[in-house]
Amino acid sequence: MAKEEALQMEGVVNETLPNTTFRVQLENGHIVTAHISGKMRKNYIRILTGDKVTVELTPYDLSKGRIVYRGR
């Protein structure tokens, strides 16, 4: 997936799932399953329930995504 094709949306982490996967509710109300990006995993950035995150979605499957940024 090229970076230009990815859609970035803001959301809030609702639930923590196994294998560093999270259920995120986006600003528009949709709920997606997202995993942590490699750079966040490498730098040991922890994500907890209630954190504001930026999720990168592919235009082909809008139900799955990648967490690329954790807000404050």
Protein backbone atom coordinates (compact mmCIF):
# COMPACT_ATOMS: atom_id res chain seq x y z
CA MET A 1 0.00 0.00 0.00
CA ALA A 2 1.50 3.32 -1.04
CA LYS A 3 1.41 6.12 1.51
CA GLU A 4 -0.45 8.42 -0.89
CA GLU A 5 -3.36 5.98 -1.16
CA ALA A 6 -3.94 5.60 2.57
CA LEU A 7 -6.75 7.48 4.30
CA GLN A 8 -5.89 8.97 7.69
CA MET A 9 -8.63 9.43 10.29
CA GLU A 10 -8.77 10.33 13.96
CA GLY A 11 -10.38 8.06 16.52
CA VAL A 12 -10.50 6.84 20.12
CA VAL A 13 -9.41 3.38 21.30
CA ASN A 14 -12.46 1.51 22.66
CA GLU A 15 -11.07 -1.94 23.39
CA THR A 16 -7.75 -3.77 23.57
CA LEU A 17 -7.60 -7.09 21.69
CA PRO A 18 -4.84 -9.75 21.65
CA ASN A 19 -1.63 -9.36 19.61
CA THR A 20 -1.38 -5.54 19.85
CA THR A 21 -4.71 -5.11 18.08
CA PHE A 22 -7.27 -2.51 19.09
CA ARG A 23 -10.88 -1.64 18.36
CA VAL A 24 -11.01 2.05 17.42
CA GLN A 25 -14.09 4.25 17.03
CA LEU A 26 -13.50 6.85 14.34
CA GLU A 27 -14.83 10.42 14.39
CA ASN A 28 -17.56 9.50 11.91
CA GLY A 29 -18.86 6.73 14.21
CA HIS A 30 -17.44 3.70 12.37
CA ILE A 31 -15.59 1.07 14.39
CA VAL A 32 -12.42 -0.45 12.89
CA THR A 33 -9.88 -3.05 14.01
CA ALA A 34 -6.37 -1.60 13.98
CA HIS A 35 -2.87 -2.82 14.79
CA ILE A 36 0.19 -0.78 15.81
CA SER A 37 2.59 0.33 13.07
CA GLY A 38 6.12 -1.03 13.08
CA LYS A 39 7.77 2.24 14.12
CA MET A 40 5.47 2.56 17.14
CA ARG A 41 6.16 -1.05 18.10
CA LYS A 42 9.92 -0.55 17.70
CA ASN A 43 9.89 2.54 19.95
CA TYR A 44 7.72 0.82 22.62
CA ILE A 45 4.87 3.33 22.40
CA ARG A 46 2.07 2.06 24.64
CA ILE A 47 -1.58 2.51 23.72
CA LEU A 48 -4.34 2.31 26.32
CA THR A 49 -8.13 2.37 26.15
CA GLY A 50 -9.33 5.95 25.74
CA ASP A 51 -6.26 7.23 23.86
CA LYS A 52 -6.81 9.45 20.81
CA VAL A 53 -5.05 7.92 17.82
CA THR A 54 -4.57 8.50 14.10
CA VAL A 55 -5.52 5.47 12.02
CA GLU A 56 -4.36 4.83 8.45
CA LEU A 57 -6.99 2.99 6.36
CA THR A 58 -6.64 1.40 2.96
CA PRO A 59 -9.36 2.31 0.45
CA TYR A 60 -9.89 -1.40 -0.29
CA ASP A 61 -10.91 -2.53 3.21
CA LEU A 62 -12.26 0.20 5.50
CA SER A 63 -12.80 -2.18 8.45
CA LYS A 64 -9.07 -2.67 9.16
CA GLY A 65 -6.34 -0.14 9.76
CA ARG A 66 -2.94 0.72 11.19
CA ILE A 67 -2.38 3.05 14.16
CA VAL A 68 0.34 5.51 13.13
CA TYR A 69 0.16 8.15 15.89
CA ARG A 70 -0.98 8.35 19.53
CA GLY A 71 -2.30 11.77 20.57
CA ARG A 72 -2.38 13.20 24.06
